[in-house]
Amino acid sequence: MNEFWFVPKRYGYGATPVTWEGWAVVAAFVAIVIAFAVMYRRRKKAGLSNTRPWMVLIASTAVFVWVCAVKTNGSWAFRWGQIGPQVSLEGSVA
């Protein structure tokens, strides 16, 4: 099993999923964001407080970013094309 689920992006900041686990984490986060939008809208129409949906979204975003950072093969940094060695999925430097 591959220890890393993401690799650093070649352009910009962040990481890209490269395994099914990485894509599953992204899909779960997207589902949470969609659920937030639905819950926020329903609670707003009902005149209820939207503090809880915002707390769930902020906590989910923090956990998502943490998992992505921990499971990335390399560091997060702003990149403008290939600078330095290219890191493969297996963790070796090409």
PDB file of N, CA and C in Angstrom:
ATOM      1  N   MET A   1       0.849  -1.189   0.000  1.00  0.00           N
ATOM      2  CA  MET A   1       0.000   0.000   0.000  1.00  0.00           C
ATOM      3  C   MET A   1       0.885   1.240   0.000  1.00  0.00           C
ATOM      4  N   ASN A   2       0.513   2.212  -0.789  1.00  0.00           N
ATOM      5  CA  ASN A   2       1.273   3.439  -0.908  1.00  0.00           C
ATOM      6  C   ASN A   2       1.027   4.317   0.318  1.00  0.00           C
ATOM      7  N   GLU A   3       2.103   4.804   0.919  1.00  0.00           N
ATOM      8  CA  GLU A   3       1.989   5.635   2.110  1.00  0.00           C
ATOM      9  C   GLU A   3       1.449   7.021   1.790  1.00  0.00           C
ATOM     10  N   PHE A   4       1.731   7.524   0.584  1.00  0.00           N
ATOM     11  CA  PHE A   4       1.302   8.863   0.206  1.00  0.00           C
ATOM     12  C   PHE A   4       0.092   8.802  -0.714  1.00  0.00           C
ATOM     13  N   TRP A   5      -0.863   9.693  -0.457  1.00  0.00           N
ATOM     14  CA  TRP A   5      -2.085   9.741  -1.255  1.00  0.00           C
ATOM     15  C   TRP A   5      -2.092  10.919  -2.211  1.00  0.00           C
ATOM     16  N   PHE A   6      -1.196  11.883  -1.994  1.00  0.00           N
ATOM     17  CA  PHE A   6      -1.145  13.103  -2.793  1.00  0.00           C
ATOM     18  C   PHE A   6       0.297  13.393  -3.202  1.00  0.00           C
ATOM     19  N   VAL A   7       0.460  14.126  -4.298  1.00  0.00           N
ATOM     20  CA  VAL A   7       1.772  14.645  -4.698  1.00  0.00           C
ATOM     21  C   VAL A   7       1.645  16.162  -4.832  1.00  0.00           C
ATOM     22  N   PRO A   8       2.745  16.879  -4.611  1.00  0.00           N
ATOM     23  CA  PRO A   8       2.680  18.339  -4.759  1.00  0.00           C
ATOM     24  C   PRO A   8       2.310  18.729  -6.181  1.00  0.00           C
ATOM     25  N   LYS A   9       1.572  19.815  -6.309  1.00  0.00           N
ATOM     26  CA  LYS A   9       1.206  20.315  -7.638  1.00  0.00           C
ATOM     27  C   LYS A   9       2.433  20.888  -8.328  1.00  0.00           C
ATOM     28  N   ARG A  10       2.479  20.779  -9.635  1.00  0.00           N
ATOM     29  CA  ARG A  10       3.595  21.322 -10.394  1.00  0.00           C
ATOM     30  C   ARG A  10       3.480  22.845 -10.505  1.00  0.00           C
ATOM     31  N   TYR A  11       2.274  23.348 -10.624  1.00  0.00           N
ATOM     32  CA  TYR A  11       2.029  24.793 -10.708  1.00  0.00           C
ATOM     33  C   TYR A  11       1.105  25.191  -9.571  1.00  0.00           C
ATOM     34  N   GLY A  12       1.443  26.254  -8.881  1.00  0.00           N
ATOM     35  CA  GLY A  12       0.591  26.745  -7.812  1.00  0.00           C
ATOM     36  C   GLY A  12       0.949  26.146  -6.468  1.00  0.00           C
ATOM     37  N   TYR A  13      -0.030  26.128  -5.567  1.00  0.00           N
ATOM     38  CA  TYR A  13       0.177  25.697  -4.191  1.00  0.00           C
ATOM     39  C   TYR A  13      -0.765  24.544  -3.897  1.00  0.00           C
ATOM     40  N   GLY A  14      -0.309  23.546  -3.175  1.00  0.00           N
ATOM     41  CA  GLY A  14      -1.176  22.457  -2.771  1.00  0.00           C
ATOM     42  C   GLY A  14      -0.733  21.119  -3.310  1.00  0.00           C
ATOM     43  N   ALA A  15      -1.671  20.189  -3.363  1.00  0.00           N
ATOM     44  CA  ALA A  15      -1.376  18.822  -3.755  1.00  0.00           C
ATOM     45  C   ALA A  15      -2.507  18.272  -4.614  1.00  0.00           C
ATOM     46  N   THR A  16      -2.184  17.197  -5.335  1.00  0.00           N
ATOM     47  CA  THR A  16      -3.138  16.527  -6.206  1.00  0.00           C
ATOM     48  C   THR A  16      -3.268  15.075  -5.774  1.00  0.00           C
ATOM     49  N   PRO A  17      -4.481  14.535  -5.688  1.00  0.00           N
ATOM     50  CA  PRO A  17      -4.617  13.120  -5.307  1.00  0.00           C
ATOM     51  C   PRO A  17      -4.088  12.202  -6.399  1.00  0.00           C
ATOM     52  N   VAL A  18      -3.421  11.113  -5.976  1.00  0.00           N
ATOM     53  CA  VAL A  18      -2.863  10.161  -6.934  1.00  0.00           C
ATOM     54  C   VAL A  18      -3.262   8.715  -6.629  1.00  0.00           C
ATOM     55  N   THR A  19      -3.936   8.479  -5.528  1.00  0.00           N
ATOM     56  CA  THR A  19      -4.404   7.129  -5.194  1.00  0.00           C
ATOM     57  C   THR A  19      -5.907   7.186  -4.935  1.00  0.00           C
ATOM     58  N   TRP A  20      -6.513   6.020  -4.854  1.00  0.00           N
ATOM     59  CA  TRP A  20      -7.951   5.991  -4.610  1.00  0.00           C
ATOM     60  C   TRP A  20      -8.275   6.568  -3.238  1.00  0.00           C
ATOM     61  N   GLU A  21      -7.361   6.413  -2.266  1.00  0.00           N
ATOM     62  CA  GLU A  21      -7.600   6.983  -0.940  1.00  0.00           C
ATOM     63  C   GLU A  21      -7.639   8.507  -1.002  1.00  0.00           C
ATOM     64  N   GLY A  22      -6.732   9.079  -1.776  1.00  0.00           N
ATOM     65  CA  GLY A  22      -6.728  10.533  -1.935  1.00  0.00           C
ATOM     66  C   GLY A  22      -8.004  11.030  -2.585  1.00  0.00           C
ATOM     67  N   TRP A  23      -8.423  10.330  -3.649  1.00  0.00           N
ATOM     68  CA  TRP A  23      -9.666  10.724  -4.320  1.00  0.00           C
ATOM     69  C   TRP A  23     -10.872  10.536  -3.396  1.00  0.00           C
ATOM     70  N   ALA A  24     -10.842   9.508  -2.538  1.00  0.00           N
ATOM     71  CA  ALA A  24     -11.945   9.296  -1.589  1.00  0.00           C
ATOM     72  C   ALA A  24     -12.025  10.441  -0.582  1.00  0.00           C
ATOM     73  N   VAL A  25     -10.872  10.915  -0.123  1.00  0.00           N
ATOM     74  CA  VAL A  25     -10.847  12.049   0.816  1.00  0.00           C
ATOM     75  C   VAL A  25     -11.423  13.294   0.141  1.00  0.00           C
ATOM     76  N   VAL A  26     -11.028  13.538  -1.096  1.00  0.00           N
ATOM     77  CA  VAL A  26     -11.546  14.697  -1.834  1.00  0.00           C
ATOM     78  C   VAL A  26     -13.059  14.566  -2.034  1.00  0.00           C
ATOM     79  N   ALA A  27     -13.521  13.380  -2.424  1.00  0.00           N
ATOM     80  CA  ALA A  27     -14.955  13.164  -2.636  1.00  0.00           C
ATOM     81  C   ALA A  27     -15.747  13.366  -1.339  1.00  0.00           C
ATOM     82  N   ALA A  28     -15.203  12.880  -0.225  1.00  0.00           N
ATOM     83  CA  ALA A  28     -15.882  13.059   1.058  1.00  0.00           C
ATOM     84  C   ALA A  28     -15.967  14.542   1.420  1.00  0.00           C
ATOM     85  N   PHE A  29     -14.894  15.283   1.167  1.00  0.00           N
ATOM     86  CA  PHE A  29     -14.912  16.715   1.472  1.00  0.00           C
ATOM     87  C   PHE A  29     -15.919  17.444   0.584  1.00  0.00           C
ATOM     88  N   VAL A  30     -15.976  17.095  -0.682  1.00  0.00           N
ATOM     89  CA  VAL A  30     -16.956  17.718  -1.590  1.00  0.00           C
ATOM     90  C   VAL A  30     -18.375  17.415  -1.110  1.00  0.00           C
ATOM     91  N   ALA A  31     -18.622  16.189  -0.665  1.00  0.00           N
ATOM     92  CA  ALA A  31     -19.946  15.830  -0.143  1.00  0.00           C
ATOM     93  C   ALA A  31     -20.292  16.656   1.096  1.00  0.00           C
ATOM     94  N   ILE A  32     -19.306  16.894   1.957  1.00  0.00           N
ATOM     95  CA  ILE A  32     -19.543  17.710   3.149  1.00  0.00           C
ATOM     96  C   ILE A  32     -19.867  19.153   2.765  1.00  0.00           C
ATOM     97  N   VAL A  33     -19.169  19.689   1.775  1.00  0.00           N
ATOM     98  CA  VAL A  33     -19.435  21.064   1.329  1.00  0.00           C
ATOM     99  C   VAL A  33     -20.846  21.163   0.732  1.00  0.00           C
ATOM    100  N   ILE A  34     -21.250  20.169  -0.052  1.00  0.00           N
ATOM    101  CA  ILE A  34     -22.608  20.169  -0.620  1.00  0.00           C
ATOM    102  C   ILE A  34     -23.653  20.070   0.488  1.00  0.00           C
ATOM    103  N   ALA A  35     -23.398  19.192   1.462  1.00  0.00           N
ATOM    104  CA  ALA A  35     -24.318  19.063   2.595  1.00  0.00           C
ATOM    105  C   ALA A  35     -24.406  20.374   3.369  1.00  0.00           C
ATOM    106  N   PHE A  36     -23.265  21.064   3.520  1.00  0.00           N
ATOM    107  CA  PHE A  36     -23.266  22.374   4.175  1.00  0.00           C
ATOM    108  C   PHE A  36     -24.179  23.347   3.441  1.00  0.00           C
ATOM    109  N   ALA A  37     -24.054  23.401   2.117  1.00  0.00           N
ATOM    110  CA  ALA A  37     -24.860  24.331   1.330  1.00  0.00           C
ATOM    111  C   ALA A  37     -26.354  24.043   1.494  1.00  0.00           C
ATOM    112  N   VAL A  38     -26.715  22.770   1.462  1.00  0.00           N
ATOM    113  CA  VAL A  38     -28.124  22.390   1.621  1.00  0.00           C
ATOM    114  C   VAL A  38     -28.608  22.729   3.028  1.00  0.00           C
ATOM    115  N   MET A  39     -27.812  22.378   4.053  1.00  0.00           N
ATOM    116  CA  MET A  39     -28.209  22.625   5.429  1.00  0.00           C
ATOM    117  C   MET A  39     -28.292  24.132   5.703  1.00  0.00           C
ATOM    118  N   TYR A  40     -27.353  24.878   5.193  1.00  0.00           N
ATOM    119  CA  TYR A  40     -27.340  26.331   5.390  1.00  0.00           C
ATOM    120  C   TYR A  40     -28.602  26.959   4.808  1.00  0.00           C
ATOM    121  N   ARG A  41     -28.938  26.563   3.603  1.00  0.00           N
ATOM    122  CA  ARG A  41     -30.117  27.134   2.934  1.00  0.00           C
ATOM    123  C   ARG A  41     -31.409  26.780   3.670  1.00  0.00           C
ATOM    124  N   ARG A  42     -31.531  25.514   4.094  1.00  0.00           N
ATOM    125  CA  ARG A  42     -32.748  25.092   4.804  1.00  0.00           C
ATOM    126  C   ARG A  42     -32.882  25.801   6.147  1.00  0.00           C
ATOM    127  N   ARG A  43     -31.770  25.921   6.861  1.00  0.00           N
ATOM    128  CA  ARG A  43     -31.823  26.587   8.164  1.00  0.00           C
ATOM    129  C   ARG A  43     -32.111  28.078   8.007  1.00  0.00           C
ATOM    130  N   LYS A  44     -31.599  28.681   6.954  1.00  0.00           N
ATOM    131  CA  LYS A  44     -31.848  30.105   6.719  1.00  0.00           C
ATOM    132  C   LYS A  44     -33.321  30.344   6.417  1.00  0.00           C
ATOM    133  N   LYS A  45     -33.915  29.462   5.588  1.00  0.00           N
ATOM    134  CA  LYS A  45     -35.345  29.591   5.278  1.00  0.00           C
ATOM    135  C   LYS A  45     -36.204  29.410   6.520  1.00  0.00           C
ATOM    136  N   ALA A  46     -35.769  28.522   7.430  1.00  0.00           N
ATOM    137  CA  ALA A  46     -36.538  28.252   8.641  1.00  0.00           C
ATOM    138  C   ALA A  46     -36.282  29.296   9.721  1.00  0.00           C
ATOM    139  N   GLY A  47     -35.328  30.210   9.480  1.00  0.00           N
ATOM    140  CA  GLY A  47     -35.038  31.249  10.459  1.00  0.00           C
ATOM    141  C   GLY A  47     -34.195  30.769  11.621  1.00  0.00           C
ATOM    142  N   LEU A  48     -33.484  29.677  11.443  1.00  0.00           N
ATOM    143  CA  LEU A  48     -32.644  29.131  12.509  1.00  0.00           C
ATOM    144  C   LEU A  48     -31.220  29.667  12.399  1.00  0.00           C
ATOM    145  N   SER A  49     -30.480  29.519  13.481  1.00  0.00           N
ATOM    146  CA  SER A  49     -29.083  29.953  13.506  1.00  0.00           C
ATOM    147  C   SER A  49     -28.237  29.043  12.608  1.00  0.00           C
ATOM    148  N   ASN A  50     -27.277  29.644  11.918  1.00  0.00           N
ATOM    149  CA  ASN A  50     -26.396  28.875  11.044  1.00  0.00           C
ATOM    150  C   ASN A  50     -25.011  28.682  11.643  1.00  0.00           C
ATOM    151  N   THR A  51     -24.893  28.800  12.952  1.00  0.00           N
ATOM    152  CA  THR A  51     -23.603  28.627  13.607  1.00  0.00           C
ATOM    153  C   THR A  51     -23.098  27.201  13.458  1.00  0.00           C
ATOM    154  N   ARG A  52     -23.960  26.223  13.670  1.00  0.00           N
ATOM    155  CA  ARG A  52     -23.538  24.818  13.613  1.00  0.00           C
ATOM    156  C   ARG A  52     -23.044  24.417  12.228  1.00  0.00           C
ATOM    157  N   PRO A  53     -23.745  24.746  11.139  1.00  0.00           N
ATOM    158  CA  PRO A  53     -23.206  24.393   9.818  1.00  0.00           C
ATOM    159  C   PRO A  53     -21.841  25.025   9.549  1.00  0.00           C
ATOM    160  N   TRP A  54     -21.654  26.269   9.969  1.00  0.00           N
ATOM    161  CA  TRP A  54     -20.359  26.915   9.765  1.00  0.00           C
ATOM    162  C   TRP A  54     -19.266  26.228  10.575  1.00  0.00           C
ATOM    163  N   MET A  55     -19.576  25.812  11.799  1.00  0.00           N
ATOM    164  CA  MET A  55     -18.593  25.114  12.630  1.00  0.00           C
ATOM    165  C   MET A  55     -18.195  23.790  11.991  1.00  0.00           C
ATOM    166  N   VAL A  56     -19.182  23.069  11.445  1.00  0.00           N
ATOM    167  CA  VAL A  56     -18.896  21.794  10.779  1.00  0.00           C
ATOM    168  C   VAL A  56     -18.033  22.024   9.544  1.00  0.00           C
ATOM    169  N   LEU A  57     -18.335  23.043   8.766  1.00  0.00           N
ATOM    170  CA  LEU A  57     -17.557  23.327   7.563  1.00  0.00           C
ATOM    171  C   LEU A  57     -16.121  23.718   7.902  1.00  0.00           C
ATOM    172  N   ILE A  58     -15.937  24.563   8.889  1.00  0.00           N
ATOM    173  CA  ILE A  58     -14.595  24.996   9.268  1.00  0.00           C
ATOM    174  C   ILE A  58     -13.782  23.823   9.813  1.00  0.00           C
ATOM    175  N   ALA A  59     -14.387  23.004  10.669  1.00  0.00           N
ATOM    176  CA  ALA A  59     -13.689  21.833  11.211  1.00  0.00           C
ATOM    177  C   ALA A  59     -13.348  20.832  10.098  1.00  0.00           C
ATOM    178  N   SER A  60     -14.286  20.609   9.186  1.00  0.00           N
ATOM    179  CA  SER A  60     -14.051  19.682   8.075  1.00  0.00           C
ATOM    180  C   SER A  60     -12.929  20.172   7.166  1.00  0.00           C
ATOM    181  N   THR A  61     -12.892  21.475   6.921  1.00  0.00           N
ATOM    182  CA  THR A  61     -11.835  22.043   6.085  1.00  0.00           C
ATOM    183  C   THR A  61     -10.476  21.886   6.761  1.00  0.00           C
ATOM    184  N   ALA A  62     -10.415  22.130   8.056  1.00  0.00           N
ATOM    185  CA  ALA A  62      -9.155  21.976   8.792  1.00  0.00           C
ATOM    186  C   ALA A  62      -8.671  20.533   8.748  1.00  0.00           C
ATOM    187  N   VAL A  63      -9.565  19.586   8.938  1.00  0.00           N
ATOM    188  CA  VAL A  63      -9.188  18.165   8.890  1.00  0.00           C
ATOM    189  C   VAL A  63      -8.762  17.776   7.478  1.00  0.00           C
ATOM    190  N   PHE A  64      -9.470  18.255   6.470  1.00  0.00           N
ATOM    191  CA  PHE A  64      -9.131  17.950   5.073  1.00  0.00           C
ATOM    192  C   PHE A  64      -7.731  18.463   4.724  1.00  0.00           C
ATOM    193  N   VAL A  65      -7.443  19.700   5.082  1.00  0.00           N
ATOM    194  CA  VAL A  65      -6.129  20.277   4.784  1.00  0.00           C
ATOM    195  C   VAL A  65      -5.037  19.531   5.544  1.00  0.00           C
ATOM    196  N   TRP A  66      -5.285  19.173   6.788  1.00  0.00           N
ATOM    197  CA  TRP A  66      -4.307  18.435   7.584  1.00  0.00           C
ATOM    198  C   TRP A  66      -4.013  17.069   6.964  1.00  0.00           C
ATOM    199  N   VAL A  67      -5.069  16.323   6.591  1.00  0.00           N
ATOM    200  CA  VAL A  67      -4.875  15.005   5.972  1.00  0.00           C
ATOM    201  C   VAL A  67      -4.097  15.146   4.671  1.00  0.00           C
ATOM    202  N   CYS A  68      -4.450  16.129   3.861  1.00  0.00           N
ATOM    203  CA  CYS A  68      -3.735  16.349   2.602  1.00  0.00           C
ATOM    204  C   CYS A  68      -2.265  16.659   2.849  1.00  0.00           C
ATOM    205  N   ALA A  69      -1.983  17.493   3.827  1.00  0.00           N
ATOM    206  CA  ALA A  69      -0.590  17.861   4.114  1.00  0.00           C
ATOM    207  C   ALA A  69       0.205  16.670   4.638  1.00  0.00           C
ATOM    208  N   VAL A  70      -0.398  15.874   5.515  1.00  0.00           N
ATOM    209  CA  VAL A  70       0.302  14.723   6.097  1.00  0.00           C
ATOM    210  C   VAL A  70       0.530  13.633   5.054  1.00  0.00           C
ATOM    211  N   LYS A  71      -0.409  13.445   4.148  1.00  0.00           N
ATOM    212  CA  LYS A  71      -0.334  12.359   3.175  1.00  0.00           C
ATOM    213  C   LYS A  71       0.252  12.793   1.831  1.00  0.00           C
ATOM    214  N   THR A  72       0.917  13.958   1.773  1.00  0.00           N
ATOM    215  CA  THR A  72       1.537  14.428   0.534  1.00  0.00           C
ATOM    216  C   THR A  72       2.993  13.997   0.492  1.00  0.00           C
ATOM    217  N   ASN A  73       3.420  13.489  -0.655  1.00  0.00           N
ATOM    218  CA  ASN A  73       4.802  13.059  -0.864  1.00  0.00           C
ATOM    219  C   ASN A  73       5.646  14.280  -1.213  1.00  0.00           C
ATOM    220  N   GLY A  74       6.128  14.968  -0.213  1.00  0.00           N
ATOM    221  CA  GLY A  74       6.886  16.198  -0.407  1.00  0.00           C
ATOM    222  C   GLY A  74       6.228  17.327   0.355  1.00  0.00           C
ATOM    223  N   SER A  75       6.779  18.510   0.213  1.00  0.00           N
ATOM    224  CA  SER A  75       6.247  19.646   0.958  1.00  0.00           C
ATOM    225  C   SER A  75       5.329  20.485   0.085  1.00  0.00           C
ATOM    226  N   TRP A  76       4.481  21.252   0.743  1.00  0.00           N
ATOM    227  CA  TRP A  76       3.630  22.200   0.042  1.00  0.00           C
ATOM    228  C   TRP A  76       4.412  23.493  -0.109  1.00  0.00           C
ATOM    229  N   ALA A  77       4.488  23.966  -1.315  1.00  0.00           N
ATOM    230  CA  ALA A  77       5.141  25.246  -1.599  1.00  0.00           C
ATOM    231  C   ALA A  77       4.591  25.747  -2.921  1.00  0.00           C
ATOM    232  N   PHE A  78       4.632  27.061  -3.121  1.00  0.00           N
ATOM    233  CA  PHE A  78       4.197  27.596  -4.403  1.00  0.00           C
ATOM    234  C   PHE A  78       5.222  27.200  -5.453  1.00  0.00           C
ATOM    235  N   ARG A  79       4.754  26.623  -6.557  1.00  0.00           N
ATOM    236  CA  ARG A  79       5.644  26.175  -7.624  1.00  0.00           C
ATOM    237  C   ARG A  79       5.226  26.817  -8.935  1.00  0.00           C
ATOM    238  N   TRP A  80       6.208  27.094  -9.737  1.00  0.00           N
ATOM    239  CA  TRP A  80       5.978  27.641 -11.064  1.00  0.00           C
ATOM    240  C   TRP A  80       6.689  26.726 -12.053  1.00  0.00           C
ATOM    241  N   GLY A  81       6.077  25.564 -12.301  1.00  0.00           N
ATOM    242  CA  GLY A  81       6.704  24.576 -13.178  1.00  0.00           C
ATOM    243  C   GLY A  81       7.626  23.678 -12.387  1.00  0.00           C
ATOM    244  N   GLN A  82       8.377  22.872 -13.084  1.00  0.00           N
ATOM    245  CA  GLN A  82       9.251  21.906 -12.427  1.00  0.00           C
ATOM    246  C   GLN A  82      10.519  22.599 -11.953  1.00  0.00           C
ATOM    247  N   ILE A  83      10.669  22.685 -10.650  1.00  0.00           N
ATOM    248  CA  ILE A  83      11.870  23.230 -10.044  1.00  0.00           C
ATOM    249  C   ILE A  83      12.410  22.153  -9.120  1.00  0.00           C
ATOM    250  N   GLY A  84      13.609  21.712  -9.372  1.00  0.00           N
ATOM    251  CA  GLY A  84      14.196  20.662  -8.560  1.00  0.00           C
ATOM    252  C   GLY A  84      13.798  19.292  -9.076  1.00  0.00           C
ATOM    253  N   PRO A  85      14.136  18.247  -8.317  1.00  0.00           N
ATOM    254  CA  PRO A  85      13.865  16.877  -8.768  1.00  0.00           C
ATOM    255  C   PRO A  85      12.377  16.564  -8.798  1.00  0.00           C
ATOM    256  N   GLN A  86      11.982  15.741  -9.736  1.00  0.00           N
ATOM    257  CA  GLN A  86      10.594  15.286  -9.843  1.00  0.00           C
ATOM    258  C   GLN A  86      10.416  14.094  -8.914  1.00  0.00           C
ATOM    259  N   VAL A  87       9.408  14.100  -8.053  1.00  0.00           N
ATOM    260  CA  VAL A  87       9.155  13.008  -7.129  1.00  0.00           C
ATOM    261  C   VAL A  87       8.125  12.078  -7.736  1.00  0.00           C
ATOM    262  N   SER A  88       8.437  10.781  -7.776  1.00  0.00           N
ATOM    263  CA  SER A  88       7.519   9.804  -8.349  1.00  0.00           C
ATOM    264  C   SER A  88       6.512   9.353  -7.301  1.00  0.00           C
ATOM    265  N   LEU A  89       5.538   8.553  -7.735  1.00  0.00           N
ATOM    266  CA  LEU A  89       4.513   8.051  -6.823  1.00  0.00           C
ATOM    267  C   LEU A  89       5.102   7.106  -5.776  1.00  0.00           C
ATOM    268  N   GLU A  90       6.188   6.422  -6.106  1.00  0.00           N
ATOM    269  CA  GLU A  90       6.799   5.459  -5.207  1.00  0.00           C
ATOM    270  C   GLU A  90       7.706   6.131  -4.181  1.00  0.00           C
ATOM    271  N   GLY A  91       7.911   7.429  -4.307  1.00  0.00           N
ATOM    272  CA  GLY A  91       8.734   8.150  -3.352  1.00  0.00           C
ATOM    273  C   GLY A  91      10.178   8.303  -3.778  1.00  0.00           C
ATOM    274  N   SER A  92      10.544   7.768  -4.938  1.00  0.00           N
ATOM    275  CA  SER A  92      11.919   7.917  -5.405  1.00  0.00           C
ATOM    276  C   SER A  92      12.064   9.207  -6.186  1.00  0.00           C
ATOM    277  N   VAL A  93      13.265   9.738  -6.208  1.00  0.00           N
ATOM    278  CA  VAL A  93      13.542  10.976  -6.908  1.00  0.00           C
ATOM    279  C   VAL A  93      14.110  10.642  -8.273  1.00  0.00           C
ATOM    280  N   ALA A  94      13.488  11.249  -9.319  1.00  0.00           N
ATOM    281  CA  ALA A  94      13.934  10.977 -10.684  1.00  0.00           C
ATOM    282  C   ALA A  94      14.953  11.985 -11.124  1.00  0.00           C
TER     283      ALA A  94
END
